[in-house]
Protein backbone atom coordinates (compact mmCIF):
# COMPACT_ATOMS: atom_id res chain seq x y z
CA MET A 1 -30.83 -101.39 228.72
CA THR A 2 -32.58 -99.59 225.91
CA THR A 3 -36.25 -98.93 225.97
CA GLY A 4 -37.43 -97.92 222.48
CA PRO A 5 -39.02 -94.66 221.49
CA ARG A 6 -41.39 -92.96 223.84
CA ILE A 7 -44.39 -90.83 223.14
CA HIS A 8 -44.72 -87.83 225.34
CA ILE A 9 -48.13 -86.15 225.38
CA GLN A 10 -48.26 -82.62 226.60
CA PRO A 11 -51.50 -81.34 228.04
CA ARG A 12 -53.08 -78.58 225.96
CA GLN A 13 -53.60 -75.13 227.16
CA HIS A 14 -57.17 -73.87 227.21
CA ALA A 15 -58.63 -73.26 223.77
CA GLY A 16 -58.58 -69.72 222.53
CA PHE A 17 -61.63 -67.64 221.66
CA LEU A 18 -61.23 -68.12 217.87
CA GLU A 19 -60.87 -71.88 218.27
CA ARG A 20 -64.06 -72.03 220.34
CA ILE A 21 -65.97 -70.06 217.70
CA VAL A 22 -64.75 -72.33 214.87
CA PHE A 23 -65.56 -75.45 216.87
CA SER A 24 -69.04 -74.10 217.69
CA ILE A 25 -69.75 -73.36 214.01
CA ILE A 26 -68.61 -76.84 212.96
CA ALA A 27 -70.71 -78.44 215.73
CA LEU A 28 -73.74 -76.41 214.64
CA MET A 29 -73.26 -77.49 211.01
CA VAL A 30 -73.02 -81.15 212.04
CA ALA A 31 -76.16 -80.81 214.19
CA VAL A 32 -78.12 -79.21 211.31
CA ALA A 33 -76.93 -81.89 208.87
CA ALA A 34 -77.92 -84.63 211.34
CA PHE A 35 -81.34 -83.00 211.80
CA PHE A 36 -81.97 -82.98 208.04
CA PHE A 37 -80.67 -86.53 207.63
CA ILE A 38 -82.94 -87.83 210.39
CA GLY A 39 -85.86 -85.86 208.95
CA ILE A 40 -85.34 -87.32 205.48
CA ALA A 41 -84.95 -90.83 206.93
CA ILE A 42 -88.21 -90.47 208.86
CA ILE A 43 -90.05 -89.18 205.77
CA ALA A 44 -88.68 -92.06 203.65
CA GLY A 45 -89.70 -94.58 206.33
CA LEU A 46 -93.22 -93.14 206.48
CA ALA A 47 -93.52 -93.26 202.69
CA LEU A 48 -92.39 -96.89 202.62
CA ALA A 49 -94.77 -97.83 205.46
CA THR A 50 -97.65 -96.08 203.67
CA ALA A 51 -96.91 -97.89 200.41
CA LEU A 52 -96.76 -101.27 202.15
CA ALA A 53 -99.97 -100.59 204.08
CA ALA A 54 -101.77 -99.54 200.88
CA ARG A 55 -100.60 -102.68 199.07
CA TRP A 56 -101.68 -104.88 201.97
CA TRP A 57 -105.12 -103.17 202.08
CA TRP A 58 -105.53 -103.56 198.32
CA LEU A 59 -104.74 -107.29 198.40
CA ARG A 60 -107.11 -107.91 201.33
CA ARG A 61 -109.85 -105.98 199.52
CA LYS A 62 -109.30 -108.03 196.37
CA LEU A 63 -109.40 -111.32 198.31
CA ARG A 64 -112.62 -110.33 200.12
CA LYS A 65 -114.29 -109.52 196.79
CA ALA A 66 -113.11 -112.82 195.33
CA GLU A 67 -114.64 -114.73 198.24
CA GLN A 68 -118.00 -113.01 197.80
CA ALA A 69 -118.25 -113.44 194.04
CA ASP A 70 -120.01 -116.47 192.55
CA VAL A 71 -118.34 -116.03 189.20
CA VAL A 72 -116.22 -118.75 187.68
CA GLU A 73 -113.51 -117.36 185.49
CA GLY A 74 -112.09 -119.20 182.52
CA GLU A 75 -110.86 -118.97 178.99
CA TYR A 76 -112.77 -119.61 175.82
CA ARG A 77 -112.01 -119.90 172.14
CA VAL A 78 -114.28 -118.90 169.28
CA VAL A 79 -114.68 -121.71 166.77
CA GLU A 80 -115.38 -120.47 163.27
CA ALA A 81 -118.43 -121.81 161.42
CA GLU A 82 -116.30 -123.20 158.57
CA VAL A 83 -114.27 -125.34 160.94
CA THR A 84 -117.43 -126.76 162.51
CA GLU A 85 -118.95 -127.61 159.11
CA ALA A 86 -115.72 -129.21 157.90
CA ALA A 87 -115.65 -131.40 161.00
CA VAL A 88 -119.23 -132.52 160.33
CA ILE A 89 -118.53 -133.29 156.64
CA GLU A 90 -115.51 -135.44 157.48
CA GLN A 91 -117.53 -137.73 159.75
CA PRO A 92 -118.78 -140.91 158.09
CA PRO A 93 -122.55 -141.18 157.60
CA GLN A 94 -124.39 -143.02 160.35
CA ARG A 95 -126.57 -146.02 159.52
CA ARG A 96 -130.21 -146.08 160.38
CA GLU A 97 -131.63 -149.28 161.61
C-alpha cells in the first residue's frame, strides 16, 4: 500500500535577535503606512462630506429664495420697427361703415 508524498513540517527554533529587529522595522513601516493611509482617507471623506453639505445648503437656499420671490421669469424677443411697419402695410384696409 502506497500513500503518496507527505509533507513534514518542522517546528522553528526561536527567532534570532537580527530577525526580531528586521521584523520589528517592517512592522513599524507597515503601521506608519497604515496610519498615513487612514489619515488621507479620513481627510478625503471629510472633504467630500463638506462639498456635499455645501451643495445641499446652496440648493436649499436657492429654493427658499425662489419661493419668496414674486417674479415671473420668461423670455422675450425684440421686434424691430421695420418688421412691425411691414406687417401693418401688408394688412388690407378696413372698411368704415
